[in-house]
Amino acid sequence: MDAVDLAPIVWRKSSRSGTNANCVEVAQTAATTAVRDSKNPDGPLLAFPVAAFAQALRTL
């Protein structure tokens, strides 16, 4: 997968994170959904094509 510029996006807490401190944040562009650990915002992230991420959520 090519590098994705996620600088202009807004991160939000995932609704599936619950109320504890172990939060997952998600951000979306037209083509990509990204996921990161809220406790380490400058750390690694996972980026998925939007359709693939949507498919993964449907299987949960």
N, C-alpha and C. Protein backbone atom coordinates (compact mmCIF):
# COMPACT_ATOMS: atom_id res chain seq x y z
N MET A 1 0.86 -1.18 0.00
CA MET A 1 0.00 0.00 0.00
C MET A 1 0.90 1.23 0.00
N ASP A 2 0.52 2.23 -0.74
CA ASP A 2 1.27 3.48 -0.79
C ASP A 2 1.10 4.24 0.52
N ALA A 3 2.04 5.13 0.80
CA ALA A 3 1.94 5.98 1.98
C ALA A 3 0.71 6.86 1.90
N VAL A 4 0.07 7.07 3.03
CA VAL A 4 -1.15 7.87 3.10
C VAL A 4 -0.89 9.08 3.97
N ASP A 5 -1.20 10.27 3.47
CA ASP A 5 -1.04 11.49 4.25
C ASP A 5 -2.27 11.67 5.13
N LEU A 6 -2.10 11.47 6.45
CA LEU A 6 -3.22 11.59 7.37
C LEU A 6 -3.17 12.87 8.19
N ALA A 7 -2.25 13.78 7.85
CA ALA A 7 -2.09 15.01 8.61
C ALA A 7 -3.37 15.85 8.71
N PRO A 8 -4.16 15.99 7.65
CA PRO A 8 -5.32 16.88 7.74
C PRO A 8 -6.56 16.26 8.38
N ILE A 9 -6.50 15.02 8.83
CA ILE A 9 -7.71 14.37 9.33
C ILE A 9 -7.91 14.61 10.81
N VAL A 10 -9.12 14.37 11.28
CA VAL A 10 -9.47 14.54 12.68
C VAL A 10 -9.69 13.15 13.29
N TRP A 11 -8.98 12.89 14.36
CA TRP A 11 -9.13 11.62 15.07
C TRP A 11 -10.29 11.71 16.04
N ARG A 12 -11.00 10.60 16.22
CA ARG A 12 -12.09 10.54 17.20
C ARG A 12 -12.04 9.20 17.90
N LYS A 13 -12.55 9.16 19.11
CA LYS A 13 -12.57 7.93 19.87
C LYS A 13 -13.59 6.98 19.25
N SER A 14 -13.20 5.76 19.08
CA SER A 14 -14.09 4.75 18.53
C SER A 14 -15.25 4.49 19.49
N SER A 15 -16.44 4.34 18.96
CA SER A 15 -17.60 4.03 19.79
C SER A 15 -17.46 2.64 20.42
N ARG A 16 -16.59 1.82 19.89
CA ARG A 16 -16.37 0.48 20.44
C ARG A 16 -15.33 0.46 21.55
N SER A 17 -14.79 1.60 21.91
CA SER A 17 -13.76 1.65 22.95
C SER A 17 -14.33 1.53 24.35
N GLY A 18 -15.58 1.86 24.53
CA GLY A 18 -16.16 1.81 25.86
C GLY A 18 -15.74 3.01 26.69
N THR A 19 -15.81 2.87 28.01
CA THR A 19 -15.52 4.00 28.89
C THR A 19 -14.18 3.88 29.60
N ASN A 20 -13.44 2.83 29.36
CA ASN A 20 -12.15 2.68 30.06
C ASN A 20 -11.06 3.47 29.35
N ALA A 21 -9.86 3.44 29.91
CA ALA A 21 -8.74 4.22 29.37
C ALA A 21 -8.11 3.58 28.14
N ASN A 22 -8.47 2.37 27.82
CA ASN A 22 -7.90 1.68 26.66
C ASN A 22 -8.70 2.06 25.41
N CYS A 23 -8.38 3.21 24.84
CA CYS A 23 -9.17 3.75 23.74
C CYS A 23 -8.51 3.51 22.39
N VAL A 24 -9.34 3.28 21.44
CA VAL A 24 -8.92 3.22 20.05
C VAL A 24 -9.50 4.45 19.37
N GLU A 25 -8.69 5.13 18.58
CA GLU A 25 -9.17 6.29 17.82
C GLU A 25 -9.20 5.92 16.35
N VAL A 26 -10.16 6.49 15.64
CA VAL A 26 -10.27 6.26 14.21
C VAL A 26 -10.33 7.60 13.50
N ALA A 27 -9.91 7.59 12.25
CA ALA A 27 -9.96 8.78 11.40
C ALA A 27 -10.22 8.29 9.99
N GLN A 28 -10.85 9.12 9.20
CA GLN A 28 -11.22 8.67 7.85
C GLN A 28 -10.99 9.75 6.81
N THR A 29 -10.48 9.31 5.67
CA THR A 29 -10.41 10.14 4.47
C THR A 29 -11.37 9.50 3.48
N ALA A 30 -11.44 10.01 2.29
CA ALA A 30 -12.33 9.43 1.29
C ALA A 30 -11.95 7.99 0.96
N ALA A 31 -10.66 7.67 1.05
CA ALA A 31 -10.20 6.34 0.64
C ALA A 31 -9.68 5.47 1.77
N THR A 32 -9.41 6.05 2.95
CA THR A 32 -8.71 5.32 4.00
C THR A 32 -9.38 5.51 5.36
N THR A 33 -9.43 4.42 6.13
CA THR A 33 -9.80 4.48 7.54
C THR A 33 -8.55 4.10 8.32
N ALA A 34 -8.17 4.96 9.27
CA ALA A 34 -6.98 4.71 10.07
C ALA A 34 -7.38 4.47 11.52
N VAL A 35 -6.59 3.65 12.20
CA VAL A 35 -6.84 3.28 13.60
C VAL A 35 -5.54 3.45 14.37
N ARG A 36 -5.63 4.03 15.58
CA ARG A 36 -4.44 4.18 16.41
C ARG A 36 -4.82 4.06 17.88
N ASP A 37 -3.82 3.88 18.72
CA ASP A 37 -3.98 3.81 20.16
C ASP A 37 -3.97 5.24 20.70
N SER A 38 -5.01 5.63 21.40
CA SER A 38 -5.09 7.01 21.89
C SER A 38 -4.00 7.34 22.91
N LYS A 39 -3.47 6.33 23.59
CA LYS A 39 -2.41 6.57 24.56
C LYS A 39 -1.06 6.82 23.90
N ASN A 40 -0.97 6.55 22.60
CA ASN A 40 0.29 6.72 21.87
C ASN A 40 -0.01 7.35 20.50
N PRO A 41 -0.49 8.60 20.47
CA PRO A 41 -0.93 9.20 19.21
C PRO A 41 0.18 9.40 18.17
N ASP A 42 1.43 9.43 18.62
CA ASP A 42 2.53 9.58 17.66
C ASP A 42 3.13 8.23 17.28
N GLY A 43 2.56 7.17 17.80
CA GLY A 43 3.06 5.83 17.52
C GLY A 43 2.50 5.27 16.22
N PRO A 44 2.63 3.98 16.04
CA PRO A 44 2.17 3.36 14.80
C PRO A 44 0.65 3.40 14.67
N LEU A 45 0.19 3.29 13.45
CA LEU A 45 -1.24 3.22 13.18
C LEU A 45 -1.47 2.19 12.09
N LEU A 46 -2.70 1.78 11.98
CA LEU A 46 -3.10 0.87 10.91
C LEU A 46 -4.00 1.65 9.97
N ALA A 47 -3.78 1.52 8.68
CA ALA A 47 -4.60 2.21 7.67
C ALA A 47 -5.18 1.16 6.73
N PHE A 48 -6.48 1.24 6.51
CA PHE A 48 -7.19 0.28 5.68
C PHE A 48 -7.97 1.00 4.59
N PRO A 49 -8.13 0.39 3.42
CA PRO A 49 -9.07 0.93 2.46
C PRO A 49 -10.46 0.97 3.12
N VAL A 50 -11.25 1.99 2.86
CA VAL A 50 -12.55 2.16 3.50
C VAL A 50 -13.42 0.91 3.37
N ALA A 51 -13.49 0.34 2.19
CA ALA A 51 -14.35 -0.83 1.97
C ALA A 51 -13.89 -2.02 2.81
N ALA A 52 -12.58 -2.21 2.93
CA ALA A 52 -12.06 -3.33 3.72
C ALA A 52 -12.37 -3.14 5.20
N PHE A 53 -12.25 -1.92 5.70
CA PHE A 53 -12.55 -1.65 7.10
C PHE A 53 -14.04 -1.87 7.37
N ALA A 54 -14.88 -1.40 6.49
CA ALA A 54 -16.32 -1.58 6.64
C ALA A 54 -16.67 -3.07 6.66
N GLN A 55 -16.05 -3.85 5.80
CA GLN A 55 -16.28 -5.29 5.75
C GLN A 55 -15.85 -5.94 7.07
N ALA A 56 -14.72 -5.53 7.61
CA ALA A 56 -14.24 -6.07 8.87
C ALA A 56 -15.22 -5.78 9.99
N LEU A 57 -15.78 -4.58 10.02
CA LEU A 57 -16.75 -4.24 11.08
C LEU A 57 -18.03 -5.05 10.95
N ARG A 58 -18.43 -5.37 9.73
CA ARG A 58 -19.64 -6.17 9.54
C ARG A 58 -19.47 -7.58 10.06
N THR A 59 -18.24 -8.07 10.16
CA THR A 59 -18.02 -9.43 10.62
C THR A 59 -17.92 -9.53 12.13
N LEU A 60 -17.88 -8.40 12.83
CA LEU A 60 -17.79 -8.43 14.30
C LEU A 60 -19.10 -8.79 14.93
